[in-house]
């Protein structure tokens, strides 16, 4: 008998592999244990905030998203230092 998937499971969140990005972007997380599908929004937001252009392009490739779709993951809370 096949195993039944939980109702909360979403096939669009199933991703395989690891993106080619710097581990230091996730200094506060165990990089080896990141669930890239479950934490997609967090991962994309972090890379948009702290990643290089190459890493942003890698995240687009990894999650198969367009540049316009990518913008919806950008964190609207920007901390600015005024001098």
Protein backbone atom coordinates (compact mmCIF):
# COMPACT_ATOMS: atom_id res chain seq x y z
CA UNK A 1 0.00 0.00 0.00
CA UNK A 2 1.51 3.41 -0.98
CA UNK A 3 2.33 5.91 1.74
CA UNK A 4 -0.18 8.72 1.90
CA UNK A 5 1.22 12.24 1.82
CA UNK A 6 0.09 14.71 4.47
CA UNK A 7 -2.62 17.17 3.46
CA UNK A 8 -0.17 20.05 3.99
CA UNK A 9 2.32 18.64 1.44
CA UNK A 10 2.67 20.78 -1.67
CA UNK A 11 4.32 19.32 -4.76
CA UNK A 12 5.52 22.79 -5.82
CA UNK A 13 7.61 22.93 -2.64
CA UNK A 14 9.45 19.72 -3.46
CA UNK A 15 12.94 20.68 -4.58
CA UNK A 16 16.02 18.54 -4.98
CA UNK A 17 19.66 19.34 -4.47
CA UNK A 18 21.31 22.40 -2.97
CA UNK A 19 21.76 25.78 -4.66
CA UNK A 20 25.31 26.90 -5.38
CA UNK A 21 25.43 29.79 -2.91
CA UNK A 22 27.76 30.75 -0.06
CA UNK A 23 27.04 29.03 3.24
CA UNK A 24 27.90 32.24 5.09
CA UNK A 25 24.59 33.73 3.89
CA UNK A 26 22.98 31.43 6.45
CA UNK A 27 25.41 32.01 9.32
CA UNK A 28 22.58 31.58 11.84
CA UNK A 29 21.41 28.25 10.42
CA UNK A 30 22.88 24.79 9.93
CA UNK A 31 23.30 25.03 6.15
CA UNK A 32 23.41 21.25 5.75
CA UNK A 33 19.98 20.88 7.35
CA UNK A 34 18.05 23.57 5.45
CA UNK A 35 14.88 22.20 3.86
CA UNK A 36 15.06 24.16 0.61
CA UNK A 37 11.43 23.48 -0.30
CA UNK A 38 9.82 24.25 3.04
CA UNK A 39 11.86 27.40 3.64
CA UNK A 40 11.79 28.71 0.08
CA UNK A 41 10.46 32.15 1.07
CA UNK A 42 13.10 32.55 3.81
CA UNK A 43 15.93 31.36 1.54
CA UNK A 44 14.99 33.66 -1.34
CA UNK A 45 14.55 36.63 1.00
CA UNK A 46 17.96 36.07 2.57
CA UNK A 47 19.70 35.74 -0.79
CA UNK A 48 17.97 38.89 -2.08
CA UNK A 49 19.06 40.76 1.04
CA UNK A 50 22.68 39.57 1.29
CA UNK A 51 23.61 37.64 -1.85
CA UNK A 52 25.58 38.63 -4.93
CA UNK A 53 24.01 39.00 -8.37
CA UNK A 54 25.35 35.55 -9.21
CA UNK A 55 23.71 34.04 -6.12
CA UNK A 56 20.41 35.75 -6.93
CA UNK A 57 20.57 34.28 -10.44
CA UNK A 58 21.38 30.88 -8.93
CA UNK A 59 18.31 31.07 -6.68
CA UNK A 60 16.18 32.00 -9.70
CA UNK A 61 17.53 28.95 -11.54
CA UNK A 62 17.20 26.66 -8.51
CA UNK A 63 13.56 27.56 -7.83
CA UNK A 64 12.71 28.17 -11.51
CA UNK A 65 11.27 31.64 -10.96
CA UNK A 66 11.21 34.73 -13.15
CA UNK A 67 12.76 38.09 -12.20
CA UNK A 68 9.30 39.62 -11.68
CA UNK A 69 8.21 36.72 -9.45
CA UNK A 70 11.45 37.07 -7.48
CA UNK A 71 10.49 40.58 -6.33
CA UNK A 72 7.52 39.32 -4.32
CA UNK A 73 10.02 37.63 -1.97
CA UNK A 74 11.96 40.82 -1.26
CA UNK A 75 11.74 41.89 2.38
CA UNK A 76 9.93 45.25 2.54
CA UNK A 77 11.53 46.07 5.90
CA UNK A 78 14.76 47.79 4.96
CA UNK A 79 16.97 49.04 7.72
CA UNK A 80 18.72 52.20 6.67
CA UNK A 81 21.46 54.02 8.48
CA UNK A 82 21.06 57.76 8.12
CA UNK A 83 24.18 59.87 8.42
